[in-house]
């Protein structure tokens, strides 16, 4: 298992990349999905920020919030190729990294 500092560094690097990602093009989703996508992006950013601010520790409510965020992103991913999936799958990979890192560091 990677060290705590290694996980924090990995999350920090991916968080920087996540923040640089453009928001999905508005032609890729329905107008009704725009608020949900904005909310999910900001929730994921908040969870990662909490993880990094506390150097690998996040409180149980934040872990639950992250799990709910992951579930909501998964619900938007379509089984076939869609252009929106290219954004959502990056968000999902990052969210799962944060969840993994939080779980790994809470065990120690």
C-alpha atoms as a PDB file:
ATOM      1  CA  UNK A   1       0.000   0.000   0.000  1.00  0.00           C
ATOM      2  CA  UNK A   2       1.296   3.473  -0.826  1.00  0.00           C
ATOM      3  CA  UNK A   3       2.360   5.708   2.039  1.00  0.00           C
ATOM      4  CA  UNK A   4       0.065   8.414   3.349  1.00  0.00           C
ATOM      5  CA  UNK A   5       2.284  11.111   1.853  1.00  0.00           C
ATOM      6  CA  UNK A   6       2.292   9.272  -1.465  1.00  0.00           C
ATOM      7  CA  UNK A   7      -1.502   9.162  -1.502  1.00  0.00           C
ATOM      8  CA  UNK A   8      -1.800  12.809  -0.513  1.00  0.00           C
ATOM      9  CA  UNK A   9       0.636  13.744  -3.286  1.00  0.00           C
ATOM     10  CA  UNK A  10      -1.294  11.662  -5.821  1.00  0.00           C
ATOM     11  CA  UNK A  11      -4.581  13.293  -4.824  1.00  0.00           C
ATOM     12  CA  UNK A  12      -2.966  16.745  -4.893  1.00  0.00           C
ATOM     13  CA  UNK A  13      -1.632  16.180  -8.413  1.00  0.00           C
ATOM     14  CA  UNK A  14      -4.936  14.847  -9.707  1.00  0.00           C
ATOM     15  CA  UNK A  15      -6.831  17.639  -7.933  1.00  0.00           C
ATOM     16  CA  UNK A  16      -4.739  20.216  -9.778  1.00  0.00           C
ATOM     17  CA  UNK A  17      -5.559  18.471 -13.061  1.00  0.00           C
ATOM     18  CA  UNK A  18      -9.237  18.206 -12.114  1.00  0.00           C
ATOM     19  CA  UNK A  19      -9.442  21.948 -11.482  1.00  0.00           C
ATOM     20  CA  UNK A  20      -7.911  22.658 -14.895  1.00  0.00           C
ATOM     21  CA  UNK A  21     -10.436  20.537 -16.772  1.00  0.00           C
ATOM     22  CA  UNK A  22     -12.947  22.485 -18.792  1.00  0.00           C
ATOM     23  CA  UNK A  23     -16.575  22.081 -17.839  1.00  0.00           C
ATOM     24  CA  UNK A  24     -18.436  19.791 -20.260  1.00  0.00           C
ATOM     25  CA  UNK A  25     -19.574  21.550 -23.395  1.00  0.00           C
ATOM     26  CA  UNK A  26     -23.213  22.557 -23.097  1.00  0.00           C
ATOM     27  CA  UNK A  27     -24.107  20.697 -26.286  1.00  0.00           C
ATOM     28  CA  UNK A  28     -23.304  17.378 -24.545  1.00  0.00           C
ATOM     29  CA  UNK A  29     -26.100  17.419 -21.971  1.00  0.00           C
ATOM     30  CA  UNK A  30     -29.670  18.505 -21.503  1.00  0.00           C
ATOM     31  CA  UNK A  31     -30.312  21.925 -19.976  1.00  0.00           C
ATOM     32  CA  UNK A  32     -31.926  20.202 -17.011  1.00  0.00           C
ATOM     33  CA  UNK A  33     -28.626  18.404 -16.266  1.00  0.00           C
ATOM     34  CA  UNK A  34     -26.532  21.584 -16.069  1.00  0.00           C
ATOM     35  CA  UNK A  35     -27.236  22.307 -12.374  1.00  0.00           C
ATOM     36  CA  UNK A  36     -26.569  18.677 -11.447  1.00  0.00           C
ATOM     37  CA  UNK A  37     -23.236  18.653 -13.286  1.00  0.00           C
ATOM     38  CA  UNK A  38     -22.197  21.932 -11.682  1.00  0.00           C
ATOM     39  CA  UNK A  39     -23.163  20.581  -8.271  1.00  0.00           C
ATOM     40  CA  UNK A  40     -21.260  17.320  -8.758  1.00  0.00           C
ATOM     41  CA  UNK A  41     -18.146  19.130  -9.917  1.00  0.00           C
ATOM     42  CA  UNK A  42     -18.176  21.445  -6.901  1.00  0.00           C
ATOM     43  CA  UNK A  43     -18.968  18.587  -4.480  1.00  0.00           C
ATOM     44  CA  UNK A  44     -16.036  16.564  -5.776  1.00  0.00           C
ATOM     45  CA  UNK A  45     -13.776  19.598  -5.514  1.00  0.00           C
ATOM     46  CA  UNK A  46     -14.940  20.189  -1.926  1.00  0.00           C
ATOM     47  CA  UNK A  47     -14.285  16.571  -0.918  1.00  0.00           C
ATOM     48  CA  UNK A  48     -10.802  16.609  -2.433  1.00  0.00           C
ATOM     49  CA  UNK A  49     -10.056  19.952  -0.798  1.00  0.00           C
ATOM     50  CA  UNK A  50     -11.165  18.578   2.590  1.00  0.00           C
ATOM     51  CA  UNK A  51      -8.918  15.547   2.107  1.00  0.00           C
ATOM     52  CA  UNK A  52      -5.926  17.693   1.198  1.00  0.00           C
ATOM     53  CA  UNK A  53      -6.562  20.325   3.864  1.00  0.00           C
ATOM     54  CA  UNK A  54      -6.550  17.630   6.536  1.00  0.00           C
ATOM     55  CA  UNK A  55      -3.525  15.838   5.028  1.00  0.00           C
ATOM     56  CA  UNK A  56      -5.323  12.638   4.205  1.00  0.00           C
ATOM     57  CA  UNK A  57      -8.015  12.631   6.845  1.00  0.00           C
ATOM     58  CA  UNK A  58     -11.660  13.312   6.151  1.00  0.00           C
ATOM     59  CA  UNK A  59     -14.511  13.040   8.576  1.00  0.00           C
ATOM     60  CA  UNK A  60     -17.161  10.364   8.217  1.00  0.00           C
ATOM     61  CA  UNK A  61     -19.810  12.815   6.942  1.00  0.00           C
ATOM     62  CA  UNK A  62     -17.430  13.937   4.183  1.00  0.00           C
ATOM     63  CA  UNK A  63     -16.699  10.309   3.254  1.00  0.00           C
ATOM     64  CA  UNK A  64     -20.448   9.723   3.024  1.00  0.00           C
ATOM     65  CA  UNK A  65     -20.823  12.867   0.913  1.00  0.00           C
ATOM     66  CA  UNK A  66     -18.048  11.604  -1.373  1.00  0.00           C
ATOM     67  CA  UNK A  67     -19.713   8.183  -1.695  1.00  0.00           C
ATOM     68  CA  UNK A  68     -22.983   9.882  -2.624  1.00  0.00           C
ATOM     69  CA  UNK A  69     -21.146  12.039  -5.178  1.00  0.00           C
ATOM     70  CA  UNK A  70     -19.563   8.946  -6.732  1.00  0.00           C
ATOM     71  CA  UNK A  71     -22.970   7.299  -6.945  1.00  0.00           C
ATOM     72  CA  UNK A  72     -24.485  10.358  -8.640  1.00  0.00           C
ATOM     73  CA  UNK A  73     -21.662  10.538 -11.196  1.00  0.00           C
ATOM     74  CA  UNK A  74     -22.084   6.812 -11.911  1.00  0.00           C
ATOM     75  CA  UNK A  75     -25.791   7.373 -12.550  1.00  0.00           C
ATOM     76  CA  UNK A  76     -24.972   9.896 -15.285  1.00  0.00           C
ATOM     77  CA  UNK A  77     -22.453   7.671 -17.090  1.00  0.00           C
ATOM     78  CA  UNK A  78     -24.091   5.941 -20.046  1.00  0.00           C
ATOM     79  CA  UNK A  79     -23.220   2.322 -20.951  1.00  0.00           C
ATOM     80  CA  UNK A  80     -22.387   3.188 -24.550  1.00  0.00           C
ATOM     81  CA  UNK A  81     -20.058   5.854 -25.837  1.00  0.00           C
ATOM     82  CA  UNK A  82     -21.255   9.388 -25.308  1.00  0.00           C
ATOM     83  CA  UNK A  83     -19.136  12.496 -25.467  1.00  0.00           C
ATOM     84  CA  UNK A  84     -20.272  13.473 -21.955  1.00  0.00           C
ATOM     85  CA  UNK A  85     -18.807  10.209 -20.628  1.00  0.00           C
ATOM     86  CA  UNK A  86     -15.326  11.477 -21.480  1.00  0.00           C
ATOM     87  CA  UNK A  87     -15.779  14.150 -18.804  1.00  0.00           C
ATOM     88  CA  UNK A  88     -17.723  12.054 -16.330  1.00  0.00           C
ATOM     89  CA  UNK A  89     -15.296   9.148 -16.387  1.00  0.00           C
ATOM     90  CA  UNK A  90     -12.410  11.485 -15.521  1.00  0.00           C
ATOM     91  CA  UNK A  91     -14.454  12.860 -12.617  1.00  0.00           C
ATOM     92  CA  UNK A  92     -15.321   9.334 -11.537  1.00  0.00           C
ATOM     93  CA  UNK A  93     -11.700   8.141 -11.596  1.00  0.00           C
ATOM     94  CA  UNK A  94     -10.668  11.150  -9.533  1.00  0.00           C
ATOM     95  CA  UNK A  95     -13.524  10.631  -7.061  1.00  0.00           C
ATOM     96  CA  UNK A  96     -12.588   6.980  -6.639  1.00  0.00           C
ATOM     97  CA  UNK A  97      -8.950   7.946  -6.034  1.00  0.00           C
ATOM     98  CA  UNK A  98      -9.999  10.347  -3.283  1.00  0.00           C
ATOM     99  CA  UNK A  99     -12.255   7.678  -1.749  1.00  0.00           C
ATOM    100  CA  UNK A 100      -9.489   5.070  -1.907  1.00  0.00           C
ATOM    101  CA  UNK A 101      -6.927   7.433  -0.418  1.00  0.00           C
ATOM    102  CA  UNK A 102      -9.296   8.487   2.359  1.00  0.00           C
ATOM    103  CA  UNK A 103     -10.107   4.869   3.221  1.00  0.00           C
ATOM    104  CA  UNK A 104      -6.445   3.831   3.132  1.00  0.00           C
ATOM    105  CA  UNK A 105      -5.324   6.620   5.409  1.00  0.00           C
ATOM    106  CA  UNK A 106      -8.214   6.169   7.842  1.00  0.00           C
ATOM    107  CA  UNK A 107      -7.093   2.579   8.465  1.00  0.00           C
ATOM    108  CA  UNK A 108      -3.783   3.750   9.918  1.00  0.00           C
END
